[in-house]
Amino acid sequence: MKWTDIHDIAIELSDAHSEVDPLAVNFVDLRQWVMQLPDFDDDPKRCGEKILEAIQAAWIEERD
């Protein structure tokens, strides 16, 4: 997965952190959790606030 695979990342985060409210996750932790996903393989420098916002929004939608 790459940073642009927003929906896939959201699904993986939802599975990996099912007990976590995505609204309560700060972007530092969110970025780290994404990079720790087993299928994730992208340059950490390609990640910005807009991407993290999109991932968080998709995670919230996935959870609901």
Protein backbone atom coordinates (compact mmCIF):
# COMPACT_ATOMS: atom_id res chain seq x y z
CA MET A 1 0.00 0.00 0.00
CA LYS A 2 0.99 3.58 -0.64
CA TRP A 3 -0.13 6.79 1.09
CA THR A 4 -2.67 7.31 -1.68
CA ASP A 5 -4.43 4.01 -0.91
CA ILE A 6 -6.65 5.83 1.57
CA HIS A 7 -9.54 3.35 1.63
CA ASP A 8 -7.30 0.28 1.96
CA ILE A 9 -5.36 1.93 4.78
CA ALA A 10 -8.61 2.79 6.57
CA ILE A 11 -9.77 -0.83 6.38
CA GLU A 12 -6.45 -2.10 7.72
CA LEU A 13 -6.44 0.45 10.56
CA SER A 14 -10.01 -0.46 11.46
CA ASP A 15 -9.01 -4.12 11.71
CA ALA A 16 -5.74 -3.50 13.53
CA HIS A 17 -7.10 -0.94 16.01
CA SER A 18 -10.76 -1.88 16.37
CA GLU A 19 -10.85 -0.66 19.98
CA VAL A 20 -9.67 2.85 19.04
CA ASP A 21 -11.90 5.83 18.24
CA PRO A 22 -10.34 7.34 15.10
CA LEU A 23 -11.47 10.79 16.23
CA ALA A 24 -9.20 10.49 19.27
CA VAL A 25 -6.04 9.60 17.33
CA ASN A 26 -3.48 12.35 16.80
CA PHE A 27 -1.69 12.60 13.47
CA VAL A 28 1.70 11.59 14.91
CA ASP A 29 0.26 8.26 16.09
CA LEU A 30 -1.84 7.83 12.95
CA ARG A 31 1.20 8.26 10.71
CA GLN A 32 3.16 5.75 12.77
CA TRP A 33 0.33 3.21 12.74
CA VAL A 34 0.00 3.46 8.97
CA MET A 35 3.72 2.91 8.49
CA GLN A 36 3.53 -0.18 10.76
CA LEU A 37 0.82 -1.86 8.66
CA PRO A 38 2.20 -5.10 7.19
CA ASP A 39 1.28 -4.27 3.58
CA PHE A 40 2.38 -0.63 3.73
CA ASP A 41 5.44 0.30 1.70
CA ASP A 42 5.90 3.96 0.86
CA ASP A 43 8.24 6.83 1.61
CA PRO A 44 7.36 8.51 4.94
CA LYS A 45 8.27 11.86 3.38
CA ARG A 46 5.30 11.56 1.01
CA CYS A 47 2.87 11.91 3.88
CA GLY A 48 1.34 15.25 4.76
CA GLU A 49 -1.51 16.58 6.86
CA LYS A 50 -4.01 16.35 3.98
CA ILE A 51 -3.30 12.65 3.51
CA LEU A 52 -3.63 11.98 7.24
CA GLU A 53 -6.92 13.89 7.32
CA ALA A 54 -8.22 11.79 4.43
CA ILE A 55 -7.10 8.56 6.12
CA GLN A 56 -8.76 9.58 9.38
CA ALA A 57 -12.01 10.49 7.59
CA ALA A 58 -12.03 7.19 5.71
CA TRP A 59 -11.35 5.30 8.94
CA ILE A 60 -14.29 7.03 10.63
CA GLU A 61 -16.50 6.14 7.67
CA GLU A 62 -15.24 2.53 7.69
CA ARG A 63 -15.98 2.21 11.39
CA ASP A 64 -19.52 3.50 10.98
